[in-house]
Amino acid sequence: MFALLTAFLIMPALAQTPVEMPESIEQVSPQLVRPLSGQLDAVPVFNSNSPELVGTPGILLSTFPPEGMAVPEAHLNFAFEGRFDIFAHHVYKALDYSSPMTELLDSLYLGIVLKNPSAEPVTVRVLAGASYLSQPDAPFVPLPSFVPFSPLMPVFSGPGSRAMGDILQGRRSDIFPAVMVLAPGETALLMNQPIPIRALDLPINGRSTLVQLESSGPVYVASLAQIVGLDEAGQEVPPSLASWEQILKNDG
C-alpha cells in the first residue's frame, strides 16, 4: 500500500518535469547563382489579360486618347512608336452549361485595332506573331521537367506556351499581315479572331496571342470583345471594323 501511494505521488512530478530541447544549430549551404542569358529591355508591352475571364462585350484594354469617348477613364492615352509587343490572353465560357438556349454558345470574338493619330502615313511591321486556342490548338497537358524542343518537334502545354514557342523561332501566323500601312487618322484591325465554345463538350475555351511589332510612327492600340451569333444561314460572320469602332467609342 505504501509503495503504491509513493508511486502515485511521484508520477505527477515526473509528468511535470520540463523537457530540455536541443540547442538549434544554424546550417548554411552555399549555392551557385547563375545569371540568365540576356537582359531586360525597354520594349513596351500592351498587356491585355484583365479580366482573364470575359463574359460581356466591351473594352478589354485601350491606349486610345479619352477625348470623344463615352467612358474616358477606360482609355490610357498612350501611343506606341518603334518596337513594341502585344500580349492578350482571355478565357470565355458558357454562362449556363445546361441551358437549351443556343445563343449562350455563341462565340466571343477578340479584336485588336490600331490607329494612326498623326498627319503622316505610319508603317507597322509584324516581326513575329502567334495566336492559339486552348481547344483544339494547344490543350493543357502534363509535361516532365525537361523536354527537348526543336522546330520539327515542338512541345507545348497550353496556348501561351505554344505561342511563345513560335515567337522564339521568329514565326508569324498567317492571320497577321507582314506589313500594315495606316493612312493619317486611319483605324485598322490587326486581329479579329473567335474564342468558340459551341462544338465543345465542356463549353469553355481560351486564346493566347503574342505579337512583336515595329512602327514608323505613333500608334494607339485597343483590344475589344464582342459576342457573335449565327446568321440566318447558320454561319458565324466575323465582326466588321465599324462594329469594333462602335464598341471602342461607346463602351467601357
Protein backbone atom coordinates (compact mmCIF):
# COMPACT_ATOMS: atom_id res chain seq x y z
CA MET A 1 0.00 0.00 0.00
CA PHE A 2 2.83 2.39 0.91
CA ALA A 3 4.66 1.61 -2.34
CA LEU A 4 1.54 2.25 -4.38
CA LEU A 5 0.93 5.59 -2.66
CA THR A 6 4.56 6.60 -3.18
CA ALA A 7 4.35 5.82 -6.91
CA PHE A 8 1.13 7.81 -7.15
CA LEU A 9 2.77 10.86 -5.53
CA ILE A 10 5.88 10.66 -7.73
CA MET A 11 4.06 10.31 -11.09
CA PRO A 12 2.71 13.91 -11.27
CA ALA A 13 6.17 15.24 -10.51
CA LEU A 14 7.65 13.19 -13.32
CA ALA A 15 4.91 14.30 -15.72
CA GLN A 16 5.60 17.96 -15.00
CA THR A 17 9.37 17.74 -15.49
CA PRO A 18 10.22 20.11 -18.42
CA VAL A 19 11.83 18.53 -21.44
CA GLU A 20 15.03 20.23 -22.50
CA MET A 21 15.12 20.80 -26.27
CA PRO A 22 18.45 20.52 -28.03
CA GLU A 23 20.04 23.81 -28.96
CA SER A 24 19.29 24.79 -32.56
CA ILE A 25 22.25 24.94 -34.88
CA GLU A 26 22.26 27.23 -37.91
CA GLN A 27 23.41 25.48 -41.06
CA VAL A 28 24.34 27.38 -44.21
CA SER A 29 24.52 25.58 -47.55
CA PRO A 30 26.17 27.76 -50.19
CA GLN A 31 24.64 27.60 -53.67
CA LEU A 32 25.80 28.89 -57.01
CA VAL A 33 23.53 31.58 -58.51
CA ARG A 34 23.98 31.85 -62.25
CA PRO A 35 22.70 34.82 -64.28
CA LEU A 36 20.25 34.20 -67.09
CA SER A 37 21.44 34.92 -70.57
CA GLY A 38 20.14 38.21 -71.95
CA GLN A 39 18.76 41.14 -70.03
CA LEU A 40 15.64 43.22 -69.52
CA ASP A 41 14.87 45.65 -72.30
CA ALA A 42 12.81 48.81 -72.64
CA VAL A 43 10.30 47.47 -75.19
CA PRO A 44 6.77 48.48 -74.05
CA VAL A 45 4.17 45.70 -73.94
CA PHE A 46 0.44 46.08 -74.50
CA ASN A 47 -0.78 43.51 -71.93
CA SER A 48 -4.47 42.56 -72.29
CA ASN A 49 -5.16 39.99 -69.58
CA SER A 50 -7.54 41.57 -67.07
CA PRO A 51 -10.18 40.37 -66.79
CA GLU A 52 -8.91 36.97 -67.88
CA LEU A 53 -12.45 35.57 -67.97
CA VAL A 54 -14.59 37.67 -70.32
CA GLY A 55 -18.37 37.38 -70.26
CA THR A 56 -19.68 40.51 -71.96
CA PRO A 57 -18.77 42.72 -74.92
CA GLY A 58 -16.67 45.79 -74.28
CA ILE A 59 -13.20 47.27 -73.99
CA LEU A 60 -10.56 44.96 -72.56
CA LEU A 61 -7.67 47.42 -72.80
CA SER A 62 -7.30 50.70 -74.69
CA THR A 63 -4.42 53.14 -75.05
CA PHE A 64 -6.54 55.48 -77.20
CA PRO A 65 -6.98 59.09 -76.06
CA PRO A 66 -10.08 59.71 -73.89
CA GLU A 67 -11.42 62.65 -75.92
CA GLY A 68 -14.73 61.85 -77.60
CA MET A 69 -15.15 58.52 -75.81
CA ALA A 70 -18.28 57.61 -73.84
CA VAL A 71 -16.16 56.31 -70.94
CA PRO A 72 -12.98 58.46 -70.92
CA GLU A 73 -11.43 56.63 -67.95
CA ALA A 74 -11.33 53.41 -70.00
CA HIS A 75 -8.58 54.83 -72.24
CA LEU A 76 -4.93 55.27 -71.26
CA ASN A 77 -3.86 57.85 -73.86
CA PHE A 78 -0.54 56.22 -74.77
CA ALA A 79 0.86 55.94 -78.28
CA PHE A 80 3.34 53.19 -79.13
CA GLU A 81 6.17 54.01 -81.50
CA GLY A 82 9.10 51.93 -82.71
CA ARG A 83 9.40 48.45 -81.21
CA PHE A 84 6.53 47.22 -79.07
CA ASP A 85 4.80 43.95 -78.25
CA ILE A 86 1.17 42.94 -77.87
CA PHE A 87 0.10 40.19 -75.48
CA ALA A 88 -3.51 39.12 -74.98
CA HIS A 89 -4.87 36.14 -73.06
CA HIS A 90 -8.57 35.74 -72.34
CA VAL A 91 -11.00 32.94 -71.47
CA TYR A 92 -14.66 32.60 -72.43
CA LYS A 93 -17.25 30.11 -71.21
CA ALA A 94 -20.98 29.48 -71.39
CA LEU A 95 -22.93 31.21 -68.64
CA ASP A 96 -25.14 28.14 -68.14
CA TYR A 97 -23.76 24.78 -69.28
CA SER A 98 -27.16 23.05 -69.08
CA SER A 99 -29.28 25.74 -70.76
CA PRO A 100 -31.04 24.75 -74.02
CA MET A 101 -30.64 28.34 -75.31
CA THR A 102 -28.24 28.03 -78.25
CA GLU A 103 -27.30 31.71 -78.12
CA LEU A 104 -25.43 31.01 -74.89
CA LEU A 105 -22.95 29.07 -77.03
CA ASP A 106 -22.19 31.98 -79.37
CA SER A 107 -18.51 32.75 -79.90
CA LEU A 108 -16.67 35.61 -78.27
CA TYR A 109 -14.54 37.49 -80.78
CA LEU A 110 -11.36 39.31 -79.81
CA GLY A 111 -10.46 42.32 -81.91
CA ILE A 112 -7.19 44.24 -81.75
CA VAL A 113 -7.31 47.61 -83.50
CA LEU A 114 -4.55 50.07 -84.34
CA LYS A 115 -4.94 53.78 -85.04
CA ASN A 116 -2.57 56.26 -86.62
CA PRO A 117 -3.20 59.63 -84.91
CA SER A 118 -0.61 61.53 -86.93
CA ALA A 119 -0.81 63.53 -90.14
CA GLU A 120 1.62 61.17 -91.91
CA PRO A 121 1.27 57.54 -93.01
CA VAL A 122 2.58 55.02 -90.47
CA THR A 123 4.03 51.64 -91.42
CA VAL A 124 3.57 48.83 -88.89
CA ARG A 125 5.65 45.70 -89.43
CA VAL A 126 4.69 42.44 -87.77
CA LEU A 127 8.05 40.88 -86.92
CA ALA A 128 6.56 37.75 -85.37
CA GLY A 129 3.11 36.77 -84.21
CA ALA A 130 1.11 33.80 -82.95
CA SER A 131 -2.39 33.21 -81.61
CA TYR A 132 -3.74 29.87 -80.39
CA LEU A 133 -6.86 28.47 -78.74
CA SER A 134 -6.81 26.18 -75.73
CA GLN A 135 -9.08 23.87 -77.70
CA PRO A 136 -8.20 22.39 -80.11
CA ASP A 137 -4.88 24.15 -80.83
CA ALA A 138 -2.99 23.78 -77.56
CA PRO A 139 -4.65 21.87 -74.70
CA PHE A 140 -3.04 21.89 -71.29
CA VAL A 141 -1.18 18.61 -70.74
CA PRO A 142 1.27 17.50 -68.03
CA LEU A 143 4.91 17.65 -69.11
CA PRO A 144 8.11 16.39 -67.48
CA SER A 145 10.51 18.93 -66.01
CA PHE A 146 12.81 18.70 -69.04
CA VAL A 147 11.68 18.12 -72.63
CA PRO A 148 13.86 18.51 -75.74
CA PHE A 149 12.44 21.09 -78.16
CA SER A 150 13.07 21.67 -81.84
CA PRO A 151 11.12 23.26 -84.72
CA LEU A 152 10.46 19.76 -86.05
CA MET A 153 9.33 18.51 -82.63
CA PRO A 154 7.53 21.39 -80.90
CA VAL A 155 6.49 20.79 -77.32
CA PHE A 156 3.86 22.88 -75.56
CA SER A 157 1.18 22.83 -72.89
CA GLY A 158 -1.49 25.48 -73.31
CA PRO A 159 -1.92 28.25 -75.89
CA GLY A 160 0.53 30.65 -74.27
CA SER A 161 3.25 28.02 -74.29
CA ARG A 162 2.69 27.27 -77.98
CA ALA A 163 2.56 30.96 -78.93
CA MET A 164 5.85 31.68 -77.15
CA GLY A 165 7.49 28.75 -78.91
CA ASP A 166 6.57 30.31 -82.25
CA ILE A 167 7.80 33.75 -81.19
CA LEU A 168 11.18 32.38 -80.09
CA GLN A 169 11.53 30.92 -83.59
CA GLY A 170 10.56 34.22 -85.24
CA ARG A 171 7.41 32.81 -86.81
CA ARG A 172 4.44 34.85 -87.99
CA SER A 173 1.00 33.24 -88.22
CA ASP A 174 -0.99 33.70 -91.42
CA ILE A 175 -3.69 35.61 -89.52
CA PHE A 176 -1.27 38.54 -89.15
CA PRO A 177 -0.19 40.70 -92.09
CA ALA A 178 3.51 41.18 -92.61
CA VAL A 179 3.04 44.93 -93.05
CA MET A 180 0.23 47.40 -92.34
CA VAL A 181 0.31 50.92 -93.75
CA LEU A 182 -2.05 53.20 -91.83
CA ALA A 183 -3.10 56.41 -93.53
CA PRO A 184 -3.30 59.58 -91.41
CA GLY A 185 -6.13 59.14 -88.89
CA GLU A 186 -6.87 55.57 -90.06
CA THR A 187 -8.00 52.77 -87.76
CA ALA A 188 -7.38 49.17 -88.85
CA LEU A 189 -7.75 45.64 -87.50
CA LEU A 190 -4.62 43.74 -86.55
CA MET A 191 -6.59 40.72 -85.33
CA ASN A 192 -10.21 39.57 -85.50
CA GLN A 193 -10.41 36.04 -84.09
CA PRO A 194 -13.01 33.98 -82.20
CA ILE A 195 -12.99 32.02 -78.97
CA PRO A 196 -15.51 29.32 -79.98
CA ILE A 197 -17.32 27.10 -77.48
CA ARG A 198 -20.29 25.70 -79.46
CA ALA A 199 -18.66 22.42 -80.52
CA LEU A 200 -17.00 21.67 -77.17
CA ASP A 201 -18.27 19.09 -74.69
CA LEU A 202 -17.36 21.48 -71.88
CA PRO A 203 -18.12 24.96 -73.28
CA ILE A 204 -15.06 26.84 -72.06
CA ASN A 205 -12.12 27.97 -74.17
CA GLY A 206 -9.26 30.46 -74.17
CA ARG A 207 -6.99 32.26 -76.60
CA SER A 208 -3.41 33.45 -76.15
CA THR A 209 -1.86 35.96 -78.55
CA LEU A 210 1.65 37.36 -78.71
CA VAL A 211 2.86 39.74 -81.43
CA GLN A 212 6.12 41.61 -81.92
CA LEU A 213 5.77 44.82 -83.95
CA GLU A 214 7.67 47.86 -85.10
CA SER A 215 6.06 51.12 -86.21
CA SER A 216 7.45 54.09 -88.08
CA GLY A 217 5.23 56.50 -86.14
CA PRO A 218 2.76 56.77 -83.24
CA VAL A 219 0.07 54.08 -82.96
CA TYR A 220 -2.78 53.65 -80.48
CA VAL A 221 -3.85 50.08 -79.62
CA ALA A 222 -7.06 48.61 -78.21
CA SER A 223 -8.26 45.06 -77.52
CA LEU A 224 -12.02 44.59 -77.62
CA ALA A 225 -14.57 41.81 -77.06
CA GLN A 226 -17.75 41.12 -79.00
CA ILE A 227 -20.20 38.19 -78.95
CA VAL A 228 -21.20 36.96 -82.41
CA GLY A 229 -24.16 34.68 -83.10
CA LEU A 230 -25.19 32.73 -86.18
CA ASP A 231 -26.82 34.45 -89.13
CA GLU A 232 -29.90 33.18 -90.99
CA ALA A 233 -27.74 30.76 -92.95
CA GLY A 234 -26.31 29.32 -89.75
CA GLN A 235 -22.93 30.92 -90.35
CA GLU A 236 -20.77 32.90 -87.96
CA VAL A 237 -19.68 36.15 -89.61
CA PRO A 238 -16.67 37.93 -88.04
CA PRO A 239 -17.41 41.46 -86.76
CA SER A 240 -16.73 44.40 -89.04
CA LEU A 241 -14.27 47.18 -88.29
CA ALA A 242 -17.22 49.55 -87.89
CA SER A 243 -18.72 47.40 -85.12
CA TRP A 244 -15.38 47.32 -83.31
CA GLU A 245 -15.08 51.10 -83.55
CA GLN A 246 -18.57 51.46 -82.10
CA ILE A 247 -17.59 49.37 -79.07
CA LEU A 248 -14.39 51.37 -78.68
CA LYS A 249 -16.24 54.70 -78.61
CA ASN A 250 -19.40 53.75 -76.72
CA ASP A 251 -18.41 51.03 -74.22
CA GLY A 252 -16.29 50.97 -71.12
